[in-house]
Amino acid sequence: MSRKLTFAATILIGAFAIYLIALNFHEIEPGEVYRAGQLNKTELSLILPYFKIKTIVNLRGPNEAQWYKD
């Protein structure tokens, strides 16, 4: 049973890593600073609590688009 659990955990961690790469999400300073491409509301709701991110810096400038309001 322990091997099955270890295998399942490995698959889940690998899938999450692939998901982060697909989002263009990378760690700059371990446990401190991350960078990413434009994330949507769902992606942010998953990533913010997992990495305990408290501040987001938008480098795209002012924008009235819906993604920005969300």
PDB file of N, CA and C in Angstrom:
ATOM      1  N   MET A   1       0.821  -1.198   0.000  1.00  0.00           N
ATOM      2  CA  MET A   1       0.000   0.000   0.000  1.00  0.00           C
ATOM      3  C   MET A   1       0.865   1.262   0.000  1.00  0.00           C
ATOM      4  N   SER A   2       1.969   1.220   0.700  1.00  0.00           N
ATOM      5  CA  SER A   2       2.845   2.374   0.786  1.00  0.00           C
ATOM      6  C   SER A   2       3.430   2.748  -0.580  1.00  0.00           C
ATOM      7  N   ARG A   3       3.767   1.748  -1.380  1.00  0.00           N
ATOM      8  CA  ARG A   3       4.305   2.033  -2.726  1.00  0.00           C
ATOM      9  C   ARG A   3       3.258   2.686  -3.609  1.00  0.00           C
ATOM     10  N   LYS A   4       2.007   2.246  -3.485  1.00  0.00           N
ATOM     11  CA  LYS A   4       0.929   2.845  -4.278  1.00  0.00           C
ATOM     12  C   LYS A   4       0.723   4.303  -3.883  1.00  0.00           C
ATOM     13  N   LEU A   5       0.791   4.573  -2.599  1.00  0.00           N
ATOM     14  CA  LEU A   5       0.628   5.941  -2.119  1.00  0.00           C
ATOM     15  C   LEU A   5       1.793   6.818  -2.588  1.00  0.00           C
ATOM     16  N   THR A   6       2.995   6.307  -2.504  1.00  0.00           N
ATOM     17  CA  THR A   6       4.168   7.032  -2.973  1.00  0.00           C
ATOM     18  C   THR A   6       4.077   7.299  -4.471  1.00  0.00           C
ATOM     19  N   PHE A   7       3.647   6.311  -5.226  1.00  0.00           N
ATOM     20  CA  PHE A   7       3.496   6.464  -6.667  1.00  0.00           C
ATOM     21  C   PHE A   7       2.444   7.528  -6.981  1.00  0.00           C
ATOM     22  N   ALA A   8       1.311   7.483  -6.292  1.00  0.00           N
ATOM     23  CA  ALA A   8       0.242   8.454  -6.521  1.00  0.00           C
ATOM     24  C   ALA A   8       0.719   9.865  -6.184  1.00  0.00           C
ATOM     25  N   ALA A   9       1.454  10.010  -5.080  1.00  0.00           N
ATOM     26  CA  ALA A   9       1.970  11.319  -4.692  1.00  0.00           C
ATOM     27  C   ALA A   9       2.960  11.837  -5.731  1.00  0.00           C
ATOM     28  N   THR A  10       3.795  10.959  -6.234  1.00  0.00           N
ATOM     29  CA  THR A  10       4.768  11.338  -7.265  1.00  0.00           C
ATOM     30  C   THR A  10       4.062  11.812  -8.525  1.00  0.00           C
ATOM     31  N   ILE A  11       3.029  11.109  -8.924  1.00  0.00           N
ATOM     32  CA  ILE A  11       2.251  11.496 -10.112  1.00  0.00           C
ATOM     33  C   ILE A  11       1.602  12.864  -9.903  1.00  0.00           C
ATOM     34  N   LEU A  12       1.013  13.083  -8.738  1.00  0.00           N
ATOM     35  CA  LEU A  12       0.358  14.365  -8.463  1.00  0.00           C
ATOM     36  C   LEU A  12       1.357  15.515  -8.449  1.00  0.00           C
ATOM     37  N   ILE A  13       2.498  15.313  -7.819  1.00  0.00           N
ATOM     38  CA  ILE A  13       3.523  16.357  -7.773  1.00  0.00           C
ATOM     39  C   ILE A  13       4.044  16.642  -9.183  1.00  0.00           C
ATOM     40  N   GLY A  14       4.267  15.598  -9.956  1.00  0.00           N
ATOM     41  CA  GLY A  14       4.715  15.770 -11.337  1.00  0.00           C
ATOM     42  C   GLY A  14       3.690  16.511 -12.179  1.00  0.00           C
ATOM     43  N   ALA A  15       2.432  16.167 -12.004  1.00  0.00           N
ATOM     44  CA  ALA A  15       1.366  16.837 -12.758  1.00  0.00           C
ATOM     45  C   ALA A  15       1.301  18.315 -12.388  1.00  0.00           C
ATOM     46  N   PHE A  16       1.451  18.618 -11.101  1.00  0.00           N
ATOM     47  CA  PHE A  16       1.429  20.012 -10.659  1.00  0.00           C
ATOM     48  C   PHE A  16       2.624  20.775 -11.226  1.00  0.00           C
ATOM     49  N   ALA A  17       3.790  20.147 -11.263  1.00  0.00           N
ATOM     50  CA  ALA A  17       4.982  20.786 -11.833  1.00  0.00           C
ATOM     51  C   ALA A  17       4.777  21.089 -13.313  1.00  0.00           C
ATOM     52  N   ILE A  18       4.206  20.150 -14.042  1.00  0.00           N
ATOM     53  CA  ILE A  18       3.922  20.368 -15.470  1.00  0.00           C
ATOM     54  C   ILE A  18       2.920  21.495 -15.645  1.00  0.00           C
ATOM     55  N   TYR A  19       1.912  21.535 -14.779  1.00  0.00           N
ATOM     56  CA  TYR A  19       0.906  22.600 -14.802  1.00  0.00           C
ATOM     57  C   TYR A  19       1.567  23.963 -14.599  1.00  0.00           C
ATOM     58  N   LEU A  20       2.492  24.058 -13.649  1.00  0.00           N
ATOM     59  CA  LEU A  20       3.173  25.328 -13.390  1.00  0.00           C
ATOM     60  C   LEU A  20       4.045  25.744 -14.568  1.00  0.00           C
ATOM     61  N   ILE A  21       4.706  24.804 -15.182  1.00  0.00           N
ATOM     62  CA  ILE A  21       5.532  25.110 -16.358  1.00  0.00           C
ATOM     63  C   ILE A  21       4.647  25.610 -17.497  1.00  0.00           C
ATOM     64  N   ALA A  22       3.491  24.988 -17.674  1.00  0.00           N
ATOM     65  CA  ALA A  22       2.563  25.408 -18.726  1.00  0.00           C
ATOM     66  C   ALA A  22       2.057  26.827 -18.478  1.00  0.00           C
ATOM     67  N   LEU A  23       1.968  27.224 -17.212  1.00  0.00           N
ATOM     68  CA  LEU A  23       1.529  28.580 -16.870  1.00  0.00           C
ATOM     69  C   LEU A  23       2.670  29.587 -16.960  1.00  0.00           C
ATOM     70  N   ASN A  24       3.866  29.114 -17.246  1.00  0.00           N
ATOM     71  CA  ASN A  24       5.050  29.969 -17.259  1.00  0.00           C
ATOM     72  C   ASN A  24       5.282  30.530 -15.858  1.00  0.00           C
ATOM     73  N   PHE A  25       5.127  29.675 -14.850  1.00  0.00           N
ATOM     74  CA  PHE A  25       5.288  30.042 -13.439  1.00  0.00           C
ATOM     75  C   PHE A  25       6.619  29.499 -12.953  1.00  0.00           C
ATOM     76  N   HIS A  26       7.477  30.395 -12.449  1.00  0.00           N
ATOM     77  CA  HIS A  26       8.815  29.981 -12.020  1.00  0.00           C
ATOM     78  C   HIS A  26       9.212  30.676 -10.728  1.00  0.00           C
ATOM     79  N   GLU A  27      10.026  29.995  -9.953  1.00  0.00           N
ATOM     80  CA  GLU A  27      10.552  30.542  -8.712  1.00  0.00           C
ATOM     81  C   GLU A  27      11.827  31.321  -9.022  1.00  0.00           C
ATOM     82  N   ILE A  28      11.892  32.556  -8.551  1.00  0.00           N
ATOM     83  CA  ILE A  28      13.092  33.376  -8.741  1.00  0.00           C
ATOM     84  C   ILE A  28      13.972  33.288  -7.498  1.00  0.00           C
ATOM     85  N   GLU A  29      13.380  33.572  -6.346  1.00  0.00           N
ATOM     86  CA  GLU A  29      14.066  33.471  -5.057  1.00  0.00           C
ATOM     87  C   GLU A  29      13.291  32.435  -4.248  1.00  0.00           C
ATOM     88  N   PRO A  30      13.899  31.298  -3.957  1.00  0.00           N
ATOM     89  CA  PRO A  30      13.183  30.197  -3.306  1.00  0.00           C
ATOM     90  C   PRO A  30      12.354  30.631  -2.089  1.00  0.00           C
ATOM     91  N   GLY A  31      11.050  30.371  -2.178  1.00  0.00           N
ATOM     92  CA  GLY A  31      10.128  30.692  -1.102  1.00  0.00           C
ATOM     93  C   GLY A  31       9.813  32.162  -0.928  1.00  0.00           C
ATOM     94  N   GLU A  32      10.324  33.009  -1.825  1.00  0.00           N
ATOM     95  CA  GLU A  32      10.150  34.459  -1.672  1.00  0.00           C
ATOM     96  C   GLU A  32       9.544  35.151  -2.886  1.00  0.00           C
ATOM     97  N   VAL A  33      10.109  34.908  -4.073  1.00  0.00           N
ATOM     98  CA  VAL A  33       9.713  35.648  -5.274  1.00  0.00           C
ATOM     99  C   VAL A  33       9.456  34.671  -6.418  1.00  0.00           C
ATOM    100  N   TYR A  34       8.316  34.885  -7.087  1.00  0.00           N
ATOM    101  CA  TYR A  34       7.926  34.040  -8.216  1.00  0.00           C
ATOM    102  C   TYR A  34       7.583  34.948  -9.383  1.00  0.00           C
ATOM    103  N   ARG A  35       7.608  34.386 -10.594  1.00  0.00           N
ATOM    104  CA  ARG A  35       7.175  35.135 -11.778  1.00  0.00           C
ATOM    105  C   ARG A  35       6.283  34.228 -12.596  1.00  0.00           C
ATOM    106  N   ALA A  36       5.421  34.840 -13.366  1.00  0.00           N
ATOM    107  CA  ALA A  36       4.502  34.041 -14.180  1.00  0.00           C
ATOM    108  C   ALA A  36       4.003  34.862 -15.349  1.00  0.00           C
ATOM    109  N   GLY A  37       3.473  34.150 -16.318  1.00  0.00           N
ATOM    110  CA  GLY A  37       2.747  34.807 -17.384  1.00  0.00           C
ATOM    111  C   GLY A  37       1.403  35.248 -16.816  1.00  0.00           C
ATOM    112  N   GLN A  38       0.553  35.777 -17.656  1.00  0.00           N
ATOM    113  CA  GLN A  38      -0.759  36.240 -17.208  1.00  0.00           C
ATOM    114  C   GLN A  38      -1.598  35.053 -16.750  1.00  0.00           C
ATOM    115  N   LEU A  39      -2.021  35.069 -15.490  1.00  0.00           N
ATOM    116  CA  LEU A  39      -2.845  34.004 -14.932  1.00  0.00           C
ATOM    117  C   LEU A  39      -4.292  34.467 -14.879  1.00  0.00           C
ATOM    118  N   ASN A  40      -5.206  33.528 -15.061  1.00  0.00           N
ATOM    119  CA  ASN A  40      -6.617  33.893 -14.935  1.00  0.00           C
ATOM    120  C   ASN A  40      -7.061  33.730 -13.485  1.00  0.00           C
ATOM    121  N   LYS A  41      -8.311  34.029 -13.210  1.00  0.00           N
ATOM    122  CA  LYS A  41      -8.847  34.005 -11.851  1.00  0.00           C
ATOM    123  C   LYS A  41      -8.713  32.621 -11.209  1.00  0.00           C
ATOM    124  N   THR A  42      -9.015  31.575 -11.942  1.00  0.00           N
ATOM    125  CA  THR A  42      -8.929  30.208 -11.423  1.00  0.00           C
ATOM    126  C   THR A  42      -7.495  29.832 -11.098  1.00  0.00           C
ATOM    127  N   GLU A  43      -6.584  30.139 -12.003  1.00  0.00           N
ATOM    128  CA  GLU A  43      -5.168  29.820 -11.783  1.00  0.00           C
ATOM    129  C   GLU A  43      -4.625  30.556 -10.561  1.00  0.00           C
ATOM    130  N   LEU A  44      -4.989  31.827 -10.423  1.00  0.00           N
ATOM    131  CA  LEU A  44      -4.558  32.585  -9.252  1.00  0.00           C
ATOM    132  C   LEU A  44      -5.118  31.987  -7.968  1.00  0.00           C
ATOM    133  N   SER A  45      -6.383  31.574  -7.998  1.00  0.00           N
ATOM    134  CA  SER A  45      -7.004  31.023  -6.785  1.00  0.00           C
ATOM    135  C   SER A  45      -6.342  29.721  -6.347  1.00  0.00           C
ATOM    136  N   LEU A  46      -5.700  29.010  -7.259  1.00  0.00           N
ATOM    137  CA  LEU A  46      -4.978  27.790  -6.910  1.00  0.00           C
ATOM    138  C   LEU A  46      -3.556  28.090  -6.434  1.00  0.00           C
ATOM    139  N   ILE A  47      -2.892  29.011  -7.098  1.00  0.00           N
ATOM    140  CA  ILE A  47      -1.482  29.268  -6.846  1.00  0.00           C
ATOM    141  C   ILE A  47      -1.246  30.143  -5.612  1.00  0.00           C
ATOM    142  N   LEU A  48      -2.065  31.169  -5.405  1.00  0.00           N
ATOM    143  CA  LEU A  48      -1.827  32.092  -4.294  1.00  0.00           C
ATOM    144  C   LEU A  48      -1.763  31.395  -2.931  1.00  0.00           C
ATOM    145  N   PRO A  49      -2.747  30.587  -2.565  1.00  0.00           N
ATOM    146  CA  PRO A  49      -2.652  29.938  -1.245  1.00  0.00           C
ATOM    147  C   PRO A  49      -1.565  28.863  -1.169  1.00  0.00           C
ATOM    148  N   TYR A  50      -1.324  28.163  -2.265  1.00  0.00           N
ATOM    149  CA  TYR A  50      -0.333  27.089  -2.248  1.00  0.00           C
ATOM    150  C   TYR A  50       1.065  27.632  -1.964  1.00  0.00           C
ATOM    151  N   PHE A  51       1.410  28.742  -2.595  1.00  0.00           N
ATOM    152  CA  PHE A  51       2.734  29.337  -2.418  1.00  0.00           C
ATOM    153  C   PHE A  51       2.733  30.457  -1.376  1.00  0.00           C
ATOM    154  N   LYS A  52       1.574  30.714  -0.762  1.00  0.00           N
ATOM    155  CA  LYS A  52       1.417  31.750   0.278  1.00  0.00           C
ATOM    156  C   LYS A  52       1.850  33.125  -0.249  1.00  0.00           C
ATOM    157  N   ILE A  53       1.424  33.424  -1.465  1.00  0.00           N
ATOM    158  CA  ILE A  53       1.750  34.703  -2.111  1.00  0.00           C
ATOM    159  C   ILE A  53       0.819  35.776  -1.563  1.00  0.00           C
ATOM    160  N   LYS A  54       1.398  36.896  -1.136  1.00  0.00           N
ATOM    161  CA  LYS A  54       0.625  37.983  -0.543  1.00  0.00           C
ATOM    162  C   LYS A  54       0.539  39.218  -1.435  1.00  0.00           C
ATOM    163  N   THR A  55       1.485  39.358  -2.358  1.00  0.00           N
ATOM    164  CA  THR A  55       1.535  40.557  -3.199  1.00  0.00           C
ATOM    165  C   THR A  55       1.748  40.156  -4.651  1.00  0.00           C
ATOM    166  N   ILE A  56       1.012  40.828  -5.541  1.00  0.00           N
ATOM    167  CA  ILE A  56       1.182  40.632  -6.977  1.00  0.00           C
ATOM    168  C   ILE A  56       1.586  41.970  -7.583  1.00  0.00           C
ATOM    169  N   VAL A  57       2.627  41.973  -8.382  1.00  0.00           N
ATOM    170  CA  VAL A  57       3.066  43.177  -9.084  1.00  0.00           C
ATOM    171  C   VAL A  57       2.728  42.986 -10.554  1.00  0.00           C
ATOM    172  N   ASN A  58       1.898  43.879 -11.069  1.00  0.00           N
ATOM    173  CA  ASN A  58       1.502  43.838 -12.473  1.00  0.00           C
ATOM    174  C   ASN A  58       2.445  44.737 -13.266  1.00  0.00           C
ATOM    175  N   LEU A  59       3.182  44.151 -14.190  1.00  0.00           N
ATOM    176  CA  LEU A  59       4.127  44.925 -14.990  1.00  0.00           C
ATOM    177  C   LEU A  59       3.556  45.333 -16.346  1.00  0.00           C
ATOM    178  N   ARG A  60       2.261  45.101 -16.540  1.00  0.00           N
ATOM    179  CA  ARG A  60       1.647  45.423 -17.825  1.00  0.00           C
ATOM    180  C   ARG A  60       1.101  46.843 -17.870  1.00  0.00           C
ATOM    181  N   GLY A  61       1.098  47.552 -16.763  1.00  0.00           N
ATOM    182  CA  GLY A  61       0.575  48.910 -16.738  1.00  0.00           C
ATOM    183  C   GLY A  61      -0.931  48.920 -16.552  1.00  0.00           C
ATOM    184  N   PRO A  62      -1.523  50.118 -16.529  1.00  0.00           N
ATOM    185  CA  PRO A  62      -2.977  50.224 -16.338  1.00  0.00           C
ATOM    186  C   PRO A  62      -3.724  49.533 -17.485  1.00  0.00           C
ATOM    187  N   ASN A  63      -4.796  48.875 -17.110  1.00  0.00           N
ATOM    188  CA  ASN A  63      -5.573  48.151 -18.114  1.00  0.00           C
ATOM    189  C   ASN A  63      -6.983  47.955 -17.575  1.00  0.00           C
ATOM    190  N   GLU A  64      -7.960  48.234 -18.385  1.00  0.00           N
ATOM    191  CA  GLU A  64      -9.352  48.088 -17.975  1.00  0.00           C
ATOM    192  C   GLU A  64      -9.956  46.758 -18.417  1.00  0.00           C
ATOM    193  N   ALA A  65      -9.139  45.844 -18.883  1.00  0.00           N
ATOM    194  CA  ALA A  65      -9.643  44.545 -19.347  1.00  0.00           C
ATOM    195  C   ALA A  65     -10.255  43.765 -18.184  1.00  0.00           C
ATOM    196  N   GLN A  66     -11.134  42.834 -18.500  1.00  0.00           N
ATOM    197  CA  GLN A  66     -11.846  42.072 -17.478  1.00  0.00           C
ATOM    198  C   GLN A  66     -10.907  41.253 -16.607  1.00  0.00           C
ATOM    199  N   TRP A  67      -9.856  40.650 -17.177  1.00  0.00           N
ATOM    200  CA  TRP A  67      -8.940  39.836 -16.366  1.00  0.00           C
ATOM    201  C   TRP A  67      -8.329  40.667 -15.254  1.00  0.00           C
ATOM    202  N   TYR A  68      -8.085  41.943 -15.521  1.00  0.00           N
ATOM    203  CA  TYR A  68      -7.463  42.814 -14.542  1.00  0.00           C
ATOM    204  C   TYR A  68      -8.428  43.107 -13.399  1.00  0.00           C
ATOM    205  N   LYS A  69      -9.697  43.294 -13.717  1.00  0.00           N
ATOM    206  CA  LYS A  69     -10.711  43.566 -12.693  1.00  0.00           C
ATOM    207  C   LYS A  69     -10.923  42.355 -11.798  1.00  0.00           C
ATOM    208  N   ASP A  70     -10.873  41.156 -12.398  1.00  0.00           N
ATOM    209  CA  ASP A  70     -11.057  39.938 -11.607  1.00  0.00           C
ATOM    210  C   ASP A  70      -9.934  39.778 -10.609  1.00  0.00           C
TER     211      ASP A  70
END
